Amino acid sequence: MWGRVQGVFFRDSCRREATRHGVSGWVCNRADGAVEAAFEGAAEAVDAMCAWCKSGPPHASVSRVEVTEEATRSESGFRIVPYPPG
């Protein structure tokens, strides 16, 4: 996610939203000012998270979201991680 997405509680809000939807994965701040996340779970729940990312928490101003599909990693829970994610 790009825009005003750091310093606005994006990662913690994303973690709470993912937990609410039963989605596993991670979220992190990138060095370039963007936020990166990976979601695993039911297709509807992952779609809901991708939709949420387009607006984010109240003080965010998301200008762009890029979505790519990747192989699952069997994540357990949803966590905030340092960049680069490992």
PDB file of N, CA and C in Angstrom:
ATOM      1  N   MET A   1       0.852  -1.156   0.000  1.00  0.00           N
ATOM      2  CA  MET A   1       0.000   0.000   0.000  1.00  0.00           C
ATOM      3  C   MET A   1       0.903   1.225   0.000  1.00  0.00           C
ATOM      4  N   TRP A   2       0.521   2.194  -0.796  1.00  0.00           N
ATOM      5  CA  TRP A   2       1.271   3.436  -0.886  1.00  0.00           C
ATOM      6  C   TRP A   2       0.364   4.598  -0.510  1.00  0.00           C
ATOM      7  N   GLY A   3       0.963   5.693  -0.139  1.00  0.00           N
ATOM      8  CA  GLY A   3       0.236   6.877   0.295  1.00  0.00           C
ATOM      9  C   GLY A   3       0.677   7.236   1.698  1.00  0.00           C
ATOM     10  N   ARG A   4      -0.211   7.858   2.462  1.00  0.00           N
ATOM     11  CA  ARG A   4       0.100   8.137   3.863  1.00  0.00           C
ATOM     12  C   ARG A   4      -0.338   6.914   4.663  1.00  0.00           C
ATOM     13  N   VAL A   5       0.588   5.945   4.760  1.00  0.00           N
ATOM     14  CA  VAL A   5       0.254   4.664   5.378  1.00  0.00           C
ATOM     15  C   VAL A   5       1.168   4.310   6.552  1.00  0.00           C
ATOM     16  N   GLN A   6       2.195   5.121   6.805  1.00  0.00           N
ATOM     17  CA  GLN A   6       3.037   4.905   7.974  1.00  0.00           C
ATOM     18  C   GLN A   6       2.774   6.032   8.961  1.00  0.00           C
ATOM     19  N   GLY A   7       2.815   5.689  10.239  1.00  0.00           N
ATOM     20  CA  GLY A   7       2.573   6.682  11.275  1.00  0.00           C
ATOM     21  C   GLY A   7       1.090   6.942  11.516  1.00  0.00           C
ATOM     22  N   VAL A   8       0.226   6.063  11.000  1.00  0.00           N
ATOM     23  CA  VAL A   8      -1.225   6.233  11.146  1.00  0.00           C
ATOM     24  C   VAL A   8      -1.876   4.965  11.719  1.00  0.00           C
ATOM     25  N   PHE A   9      -1.075   4.126  12.378  1.00  0.00           N
ATOM     26  CA  PHE A   9      -1.543   2.872  12.989  1.00  0.00           C
ATOM     27  C   PHE A   9      -2.055   1.874  11.952  1.00  0.00           C
ATOM     28  N   PHE A  10      -1.504   1.938  10.724  1.00  0.00           N
ATOM     29  CA  PHE A  10      -1.941   1.033   9.673  1.00  0.00           C
ATOM     30  C   PHE A  10      -1.668  -0.423  10.052  1.00  0.00           C
ATOM     31  N   ARG A  11      -0.451  -0.722  10.512  1.00  0.00           N
ATOM     32  CA  ARG A  11      -0.096  -2.120  10.814  1.00  0.00           C
ATOM     33  C   ARG A  11      -0.961  -2.694  11.923  1.00  0.00           C
ATOM     34  N   ASP A  12      -1.134  -1.981  13.011  1.00  0.00           N
ATOM     35  CA  ASP A  12      -1.948  -2.508  14.113  1.00  0.00           C
ATOM     36  C   ASP A  12      -3.410  -2.635  13.696  1.00  0.00           C
ATOM     37  N   SER A  13      -3.910  -1.667  12.946  1.00  0.00           N
ATOM     38  CA  SER A  13      -5.293  -1.750  12.468  1.00  0.00           C
ATOM     39  C   SER A  13      -5.463  -2.928  11.519  1.00  0.00           C
ATOM     40  N   CYS A  14      -4.464  -3.162  10.673  1.00  0.00           N
ATOM     41  CA  CYS A  14      -4.499  -4.296   9.752  1.00  0.00           C
ATOM     42  C   CYS A  14      -4.501  -5.607  10.531  1.00  0.00           C
ATOM     43  N   ARG A  15      -3.671  -5.687  11.562  1.00  0.00           N
ATOM     44  CA  ARG A  15      -3.618  -6.897  12.397  1.00  0.00           C
ATOM     45  C   ARG A  15      -4.970  -7.172  13.042  1.00  0.00           C
ATOM     46  N   ARG A  16      -5.596  -6.135  13.580  1.00  0.00           N
ATOM     47  CA  ARG A  16      -6.908  -6.304  14.220  1.00  0.00           C
ATOM     48  C   ARG A  16      -7.968  -6.721  13.196  1.00  0.00           C
ATOM     49  N   GLU A  17      -7.945  -6.108  12.018  1.00  0.00           N
ATOM     50  CA  GLU A  17      -8.916  -6.427  10.967  1.00  0.00           C
ATOM     51  C   GLU A  17      -8.709  -7.862  10.468  1.00  0.00           C
ATOM     52  N   ALA A  18      -7.465  -8.265  10.294  1.00  0.00           N
ATOM     53  CA  ALA A  18      -7.171  -9.636   9.854  1.00  0.00           C
ATOM     54  C   ALA A  18      -7.644 -10.647  10.891  1.00  0.00           C
ATOM     55  N   THR A  19      -7.408 -10.359  12.144  1.00  0.00           N
ATOM     56  CA  THR A  19      -7.864 -11.254  13.215  1.00  0.00           C
ATOM     57  C   THR A  19      -9.384 -11.358  13.203  1.00  0.00           C
ATOM     58  N   ARG A  20     -10.056 -10.247  13.000  1.00  0.00           N
ATOM     59  CA  ARG A  20     -11.525 -10.237  12.940  1.00  0.00           C
ATOM     60  C   ARG A  20     -12.049 -11.103  11.794  1.00  0.00           C
ATOM     61  N   HIS A  21     -11.317 -11.131  10.685  1.00  0.00           N
ATOM     62  CA  HIS A  21     -11.730 -11.912   9.514  1.00  0.00           C
ATOM     63  C   HIS A  21     -11.180 -13.337   9.527  1.00  0.00           C
ATOM     64  N   GLY A  22     -10.375 -13.684  10.535  1.00  0.00           N
ATOM     65  CA  GLY A  22      -9.808 -15.027  10.599  1.00  0.00           C
ATOM     66  C   GLY A  22      -8.714 -15.265   9.570  1.00  0.00           C
ATOM     67  N   VAL A  23      -7.994 -14.199   9.218  1.00  0.00           N
ATOM     68  CA  VAL A  23      -6.937 -14.274   8.215  1.00  0.00           C
ATOM     69  C   VAL A  23      -5.585 -14.377   8.911  1.00  0.00           C
ATOM     70  N   SER A  24      -4.723 -15.232   8.393  1.00  0.00           N
ATOM     71  CA  SER A  24      -3.353 -15.349   8.884  1.00  0.00           C
ATOM     72  C   SER A  24      -2.426 -14.550   7.985  1.00  0.00           C
ATOM     73  N   GLY A  25      -1.201 -14.303   8.471  1.00  0.00           N
ATOM     74  CA  GLY A  25      -0.207 -13.625   7.656  1.00  0.00           C
ATOM     75  C   GLY A  25       0.582 -12.610   8.434  1.00  0.00           C
ATOM     76  N   TRP A  26       0.999 -11.543   7.755  1.00  0.00           N
ATOM     77  CA  TRP A  26       1.852 -10.544   8.377  1.00  0.00           C
ATOM     78  C   TRP A  26       1.680  -9.206   7.678  1.00  0.00           C
ATOM     79  N   VAL A  27       2.173  -8.144   8.346  1.00  0.00           N
ATOM     80  CA  VAL A  27       2.188  -6.793   7.793  1.00  0.00           C
ATOM     81  C   VAL A  27       3.457  -6.112   8.281  1.00  0.00           C
ATOM     82  N   CYS A  28       4.050  -5.256   7.429  1.00  0.00           N
ATOM     83  CA  CYS A  28       5.268  -4.543   7.828  1.00  0.00           C
ATOM     84  C   CYS A  28       5.362  -3.205   7.113  1.00  0.00           C
ATOM     85  N   ASN A  29       6.096  -2.280   7.738  1.00  0.00           N
ATOM     86  CA  ASN A  29       6.463  -1.022   7.103  1.00  0.00           C
ATOM     87  C   ASN A  29       7.689  -1.286   6.239  1.00  0.00           C
ATOM     88  N   ARG A  30       7.675  -0.787   5.006  1.00  0.00           N
ATOM     89  CA  ARG A  30       8.830  -0.918   4.129  1.00  0.00           C
ATOM     90  C   ARG A  30       9.699   0.324   4.240  1.00  0.00           C
ATOM     91  N   ALA A  31      10.947   0.188   3.882  1.00  0.00           N
ATOM     92  CA  ALA A  31      11.901   1.294   3.955  1.00  0.00           C
ATOM     93  C   ALA A  31      11.524   2.437   3.016  1.00  0.00           C
ATOM     94  N   ASP A  32      10.764   2.156   1.951  1.00  0.00           N
ATOM     95  CA  ASP A  32      10.391   3.194   0.980  1.00  0.00           C
ATOM     96  C   ASP A  32       9.134   3.959   1.372  1.00  0.00           C
ATOM     97  N   GLY A  33       8.592   3.701   2.578  1.00  0.00           N
ATOM     98  CA  GLY A  33       7.408   4.410   3.061  1.00  0.00           C
ATOM     99  C   GLY A  33       6.097   3.701   2.800  1.00  0.00           C
ATOM    100  N   ALA A  34       6.141   2.588   2.080  1.00  0.00           N
ATOM    101  CA  ALA A  34       4.936   1.799   1.812  1.00  0.00           C
ATOM    102  C   ALA A  34       4.717   0.805   2.944  1.00  0.00           C
ATOM    103  N   VAL A  35       3.572   0.149   2.919  1.00  0.00           N
ATOM    104  CA  VAL A  35       3.260  -0.945   3.843  1.00  0.00           C
ATOM    105  C   VAL A  35       3.032  -2.183   2.991  1.00  0.00           C
ATOM    106  N   GLU A  36       3.574  -3.307   3.419  1.00  0.00           N
ATOM    107  CA  GLU A  36       3.431  -4.572   2.702  1.00  0.00           C
ATOM    108  C   GLU A  36       2.747  -5.571   3.623  1.00  0.00           C
ATOM    109  N   ALA A  37       1.877  -6.403   3.062  1.00  0.00           N
ATOM    110  CA  ALA A  37       1.168  -7.399   3.865  1.00  0.00           C
ATOM    111  C   ALA A  37       0.977  -8.668   3.056  1.00  0.00           C
ATOM    112  N   ALA A  38       0.834  -9.778   3.757  1.00  0.00           N
ATOM    113  CA  ALA A  38       0.509 -11.065   3.152  1.00  0.00           C
ATOM    114  C   ALA A  38      -0.670 -11.644   3.925  1.00  0.00           C
ATOM    115  N   PHE A  39      -1.681 -12.099   3.192  1.00  0.00           N
ATOM    116  CA  PHE A  39      -2.893 -12.643   3.806  1.00  0.00           C
ATOM    117  C   PHE A  39      -3.121 -14.070   3.348  1.00  0.00           C
ATOM    118  N   GLU A  40      -3.481 -14.949   4.282  1.00  0.00           N
ATOM    119  CA  GLU A  40      -3.859 -16.328   3.983  1.00  0.00           C
ATOM    120  C   GLU A  40      -5.160 -16.629   4.687  1.00  0.00           C
ATOM    121  N   GLY A  41      -6.042 -17.320   3.991  1.00  0.00           N
ATOM    122  CA  GLY A  41      -7.315 -17.711   4.592  1.00  0.00           C
ATOM    123  C   GLY A  41      -8.346 -17.969   3.528  1.00  0.00           C
ATOM    124  N   ALA A  42      -9.593 -18.015   3.952  1.00  0.00           N
ATOM    125  CA  ALA A  42     -10.697 -18.221   3.018  1.00  0.00           C
ATOM    126  C   ALA A  42     -10.704 -17.088   1.989  1.00  0.00           C
ATOM    127  N   ALA A  43     -11.043 -17.413   0.764  1.00  0.00           N
ATOM    128  CA  ALA A  43     -11.007 -16.428  -0.324  1.00  0.00           C
ATOM    129  C   ALA A  43     -11.809 -15.176   0.012  1.00  0.00           C
ATOM    130  N   GLU A  44     -12.986 -15.347   0.608  1.00  0.00           N
ATOM    131  CA  GLU A  44     -13.825 -14.190   0.952  1.00  0.00           C
ATOM    132  C   GLU A  44     -13.146 -13.306   1.984  1.00  0.00           C
ATOM    133  N   ALA A  45     -12.469 -13.927   2.945  1.00  0.00           N
ATOM    134  CA  ALA A  45     -11.792 -13.174   4.000  1.00  0.00           C
ATOM    135  C   ALA A  45     -10.585 -12.423   3.434  1.00  0.00           C
ATOM    136  N   VAL A  46      -9.836 -13.070   2.558  1.00  0.00           N
ATOM    137  CA  VAL A  46      -8.682 -12.413   1.934  1.00  0.00           C
ATOM    138  C   VAL A  46      -9.166 -11.267   1.057  1.00  0.00           C
ATOM    139  N   ASP A  47     -10.239 -11.483   0.314  1.00  0.00           N
ATOM    140  CA  ASP A  47     -10.814 -10.403  -0.506  1.00  0.00           C
ATOM    141  C   ASP A  47     -11.239  -9.227   0.366  1.00  0.00           C
ATOM    142  N   ALA A  48     -11.818  -9.520   1.523  1.00  0.00           N
ATOM    143  CA  ALA A  48     -12.239  -8.457   2.440  1.00  0.00           C
ATOM    144  C   ALA A  48     -11.035  -7.664   2.935  1.00  0.00           C
ATOM    145  N   MET A  49      -9.927  -8.337   3.207  1.00  0.00           N
ATOM    146  CA  MET A  49      -8.721  -7.642   3.653  1.00  0.00           C
ATOM    147  C   MET A  49      -8.147  -6.776   2.537  1.00  0.00           C
ATOM    148  N   CYS A  50      -8.146  -7.287   1.318  1.00  0.00           N
ATOM    149  CA  CYS A  50      -7.648  -6.499   0.184  1.00  0.00           C
ATOM    150  C   CYS A  50      -8.513  -5.257  -0.006  1.00  0.00           C
ATOM    151  N   ALA A  51      -9.810  -5.402   0.165  1.00  0.00           N
ATOM    152  CA  ALA A  51     -10.714  -4.254   0.062  1.00  0.00           C
ATOM    153  C   ALA A  51     -10.451  -3.264   1.195  1.00  0.00           C
ATOM    154  N   TRP A  52     -10.244  -3.757   2.414  1.00  0.00           N
ATOM    155  CA  TRP A  52      -9.963  -2.888   3.557  1.00  0.00           C
ATOM    156  C   TRP A  52      -8.686  -2.086   3.318  1.00  0.00           C
ATOM    157  N   CYS A  53      -7.687  -2.714   2.718  1.00  0.00           N
ATOM    158  CA  CYS A  53      -6.404  -2.044   2.471  1.00  0.00           C
ATOM    159  C   CYS A  53      -6.544  -0.834   1.555  1.00  0.00           C
ATOM    160  N   LYS A  54      -7.577  -0.781   0.762  1.00  0.00           N
ATOM    161  CA  LYS A  54      -7.761   0.351  -0.154  1.00  0.00           C
ATOM    162  C   LYS A  54      -8.096   1.642   0.590  1.00  0.00           C
ATOM    163  N   SER A  55      -8.577   1.515   1.828  1.00  0.00           N
ATOM    164  CA  SER A  55      -8.841   2.714   2.621  1.00  0.00           C
ATOM    165  C   SER A  55      -8.019   2.726   3.909  1.00  0.00           C
ATOM    166  N   GLY A  56      -7.822   1.564   4.518  1.00  0.00           N
ATOM    167  CA  GLY A  56      -7.029   1.470   5.742  1.00  0.00           C
ATOM    168  C   GLY A  56      -7.722   2.115   6.922  1.00  0.00           C
ATOM    169  N   PRO A  57      -6.955   2.436   7.977  1.00  0.00           N
ATOM    170  CA  PRO A  57      -7.532   3.050   9.172  1.00  0.00           C
ATOM    171  C   PRO A  57      -7.899   4.515   8.908  1.00  0.00           C
ATOM    172  N   PRO A  58      -8.614   5.140   9.838  1.00  0.00           N
ATOM    173  CA  PRO A  58      -9.145   6.492   9.614  1.00  0.00           C
ATOM    174  C   PRO A  58      -8.140   7.555   9.167  1.00  0.00           C
ATOM    175  N   HIS A  59      -6.917   7.563   9.687  1.00  0.00           N
ATOM    176  CA  HIS A  59      -5.974   8.634   9.358  1.00  0.00           C
ATOM    177  C   HIS A  59      -5.084   8.324   8.156  1.00  0.00           C
ATOM    178  N   ALA A  60      -5.269   7.157   7.555  1.00  0.00           N
ATOM    179  CA  ALA A  60      -4.485   6.795   6.371  1.00  0.00           C
ATOM    180  C   ALA A  60      -5.064   7.461   5.132  1.00  0.00           C
ATOM    181  N   SER A  61      -4.221   7.599   4.143  1.00  0.00           N
ATOM    182  CA  SER A  61      -4.640   8.090   2.833  1.00  0.00           C
ATOM    183  C   SER A  61      -3.955   7.195   1.802  1.00  0.00           C
ATOM    184  N   VAL A  62      -4.624   6.127   1.423  1.00  0.00           N
ATOM    185  CA  VAL A  62      -4.052   5.121   0.531  1.00  0.00           C
ATOM    186  C   VAL A  62      -4.197   5.596  -0.907  1.00  0.00           C
ATOM    187  N   SER A  63      -3.065   5.680  -1.610  1.00  0.00           N
ATOM    188  CA  SER A  63      -3.107   6.123  -3.005  1.00  0.00           C
ATOM    189  C   SER A  63      -3.056   4.960  -3.984  1.00  0.00           C
ATOM    190  N   ARG A  64      -2.503   3.809  -3.538  1.00  0.00           N
ATOM    191  CA  ARG A  64      -2.381   2.670  -4.451  1.00  0.00           C
ATOM    192  C   ARG A  64      -2.228   1.385  -3.658  1.00  0.00           C
ATOM    193  N   VAL A  65      -2.863   0.327  -4.148  1.00  0.00           N
ATOM    194  CA  VAL A  65      -2.725  -1.012  -3.579  1.00  0.00           C
ATOM    195  C   VAL A  65      -2.375  -1.951  -4.727  1.00  0.00           C
ATOM    196  N   GLU A  66      -1.342  -2.726  -4.550  1.00  0.00           N
ATOM    197  CA  GLU A  66      -0.941  -3.715  -5.540  1.00  0.00           C
ATOM    198  C   GLU A  66      -1.167  -5.094  -4.935  1.00  0.00           C
ATOM    199  N   VAL A  67      -1.923  -5.943  -5.621  1.00  0.00           N
ATOM    200  CA  VAL A  67      -2.243  -7.279  -5.122  1.00  0.00           C
ATOM    201  C   VAL A  67      -1.615  -8.315  -6.045  1.00  0.00           C
ATOM    202  N   THR A  68      -0.876  -9.244  -5.468  1.00  0.00           N
ATOM    203  CA  THR A  68      -0.310 -10.363  -6.216  1.00  0.00           C
ATOM    204  C   THR A  68      -0.618 -11.650  -5.474  1.00  0.00           C
ATOM    205  N   GLU A  69      -0.830 -12.719  -6.218  1.00  0.00           N
ATOM    206  CA  GLU A  69      -1.052 -14.027  -5.605  1.00  0.00           C
ATOM    207  C   GLU A  69       0.276 -14.750  -5.497  1.00  0.00           C
ATOM    208  N   GLU A  70       0.484 -15.404  -4.362  1.00  0.00           N
ATOM    209  CA  GLU A  70       1.694 -16.170  -4.117  1.00  0.00           C
ATOM    210  C   GLU A  70       1.306 -17.497  -3.485  1.00  0.00           C
ATOM    211  N   ALA A  71       2.233 -18.427  -3.460  1.00  0.00           N
ATOM    212  CA  ALA A  71       2.009 -19.702  -2.788  1.00  0.00           C
ATOM    213  C   ALA A  71       1.830 -19.452  -1.292  1.00  0.00           C
ATOM    214  N   THR A  72       0.956 -20.213  -0.658  1.00  0.00           N
ATOM    215  CA  THR A  72       0.753 -20.050   0.780  1.00  0.00           C
ATOM    216  C   THR A  72       1.970 -20.564   1.541  1.00  0.00           C
ATOM    217  N   ARG A  73       2.138 -20.025   2.738  1.00  0.00           N
ATOM    218  CA  ARG A  73       3.251 -20.433   3.608  1.00  0.00           C
ATOM    219  C   ARG A  73       2.755 -21.102   4.882  1.00  0.00           C
ATOM    220  N   SER A  74       1.466 -21.376   4.960  1.00  0.00           N
ATOM    221  CA  SER A  74       0.867 -21.973   6.157  1.00  0.00           C
ATOM    222  C   SER A  74       1.148 -21.125   7.387  1.00  0.00           C
ATOM    223  N   GLU A  75       0.888 -19.826   7.267  1.00  0.00           N
ATOM    224  CA  GLU A  75       1.066 -18.902   8.383  1.00  0.00           C
ATOM    225  C   GLU A  75       0.115 -19.269   9.519  1.00  0.00           C
ATOM    226  N   SER A  76       0.507 -18.953  10.721  1.00  0.00           N
ATOM    227  CA  SER A  76      -0.322 -19.186  11.897  1.00  0.00           C
ATOM    228  C   SER A  76      -0.520 -17.853  12.606  1.00  0.00           C
ATOM    229  N   GLY A  77      -1.752 -17.365  12.637  1.00  0.00           N
ATOM    230  CA  GLY A  77      -2.027 -16.083  13.251  1.00  0.00           C
ATOM    231  C   GLY A  77      -1.613 -14.945  12.333  1.00  0.00           C
ATOM    232  N   PHE A  78      -1.807 -13.733  12.811  1.00  0.00           N
ATOM    233  CA  PHE A  78      -1.427 -12.556  12.031  1.00  0.00           C
ATOM    234  C   PHE A  78      -0.519 -11.704  12.885  1.00  0.00           C
ATOM    235  N   ARG A  79       0.608 -11.291  12.318  1.00  0.00           N
ATOM    236  CA  ARG A  79       1.598 -10.576  13.123  1.00  0.00           C
ATOM    237  C   ARG A  79       2.194  -9.394  12.383  1.00  0.00           C
ATOM    238  N   ILE A  80       2.705  -8.453  13.145  1.00  0.00           N
ATOM    239  CA  ILE A  80       3.459  -7.319  12.625  1.00  0.00           C
ATOM    240  C   ILE A  80       4.915  -7.748  12.637  1.00  0.00           C
ATOM    241  N   VAL A  81       5.578  -7.624  11.482  1.00  0.00           N
ATOM    242  CA  VAL A  81       6.963  -8.083  11.369  1.00  0.00           C
ATOM    243  C   VAL A  81       7.863  -6.944  10.911  1.00  0.00           C
ATOM    244  N   PRO A  82       9.187  -7.066  11.150  1.00  0.00           N
ATOM    245  CA  PRO A  82      10.129  -6.085  10.632  1.00  0.00           C
ATOM    246  C   PRO A  82      10.330  -6.290   9.137  1.00  0.00           C
ATOM    247  N   TYR A  83      10.832  -5.269   8.462  1.00  0.00           N
ATOM    248  CA  TYR A  83      11.114  -5.371   7.035  1.00  0.00           C
ATOM    249  C   TYR A  83      12.601  -5.646   6.847  1.00  0.00           C
ATOM    250  N   PRO A  84      12.999  -6.486   5.934  1.00  0.00           N
ATOM    251  CA  PRO A  84      12.143  -7.294   5.066  1.00  0.00           C
ATOM    252  C   PRO A  84      11.589  -8.491   5.814  1.00  0.00           C
ATOM    253  N   PRO A  85      10.349  -8.909   5.446  1.00  0.00           N
ATOM    254  CA  PRO A  85       9.734 -10.050   6.134  1.00  0.00           C
ATOM    255  C   PRO A  85      10.528 -11.308   5.861  1.00  0.00           C
ATOM    256  N   GLY A  86      10.542 -12.205   6.828  1.00  0.00           N
ATOM    257  CA  GLY A  86      11.331 -13.433   6.665  1.00  0.00           C
ATOM    258  C   GLY A  86      10.567 -14.652   6.674  1.00  0.00           C
TER     259      GLY A  86
END
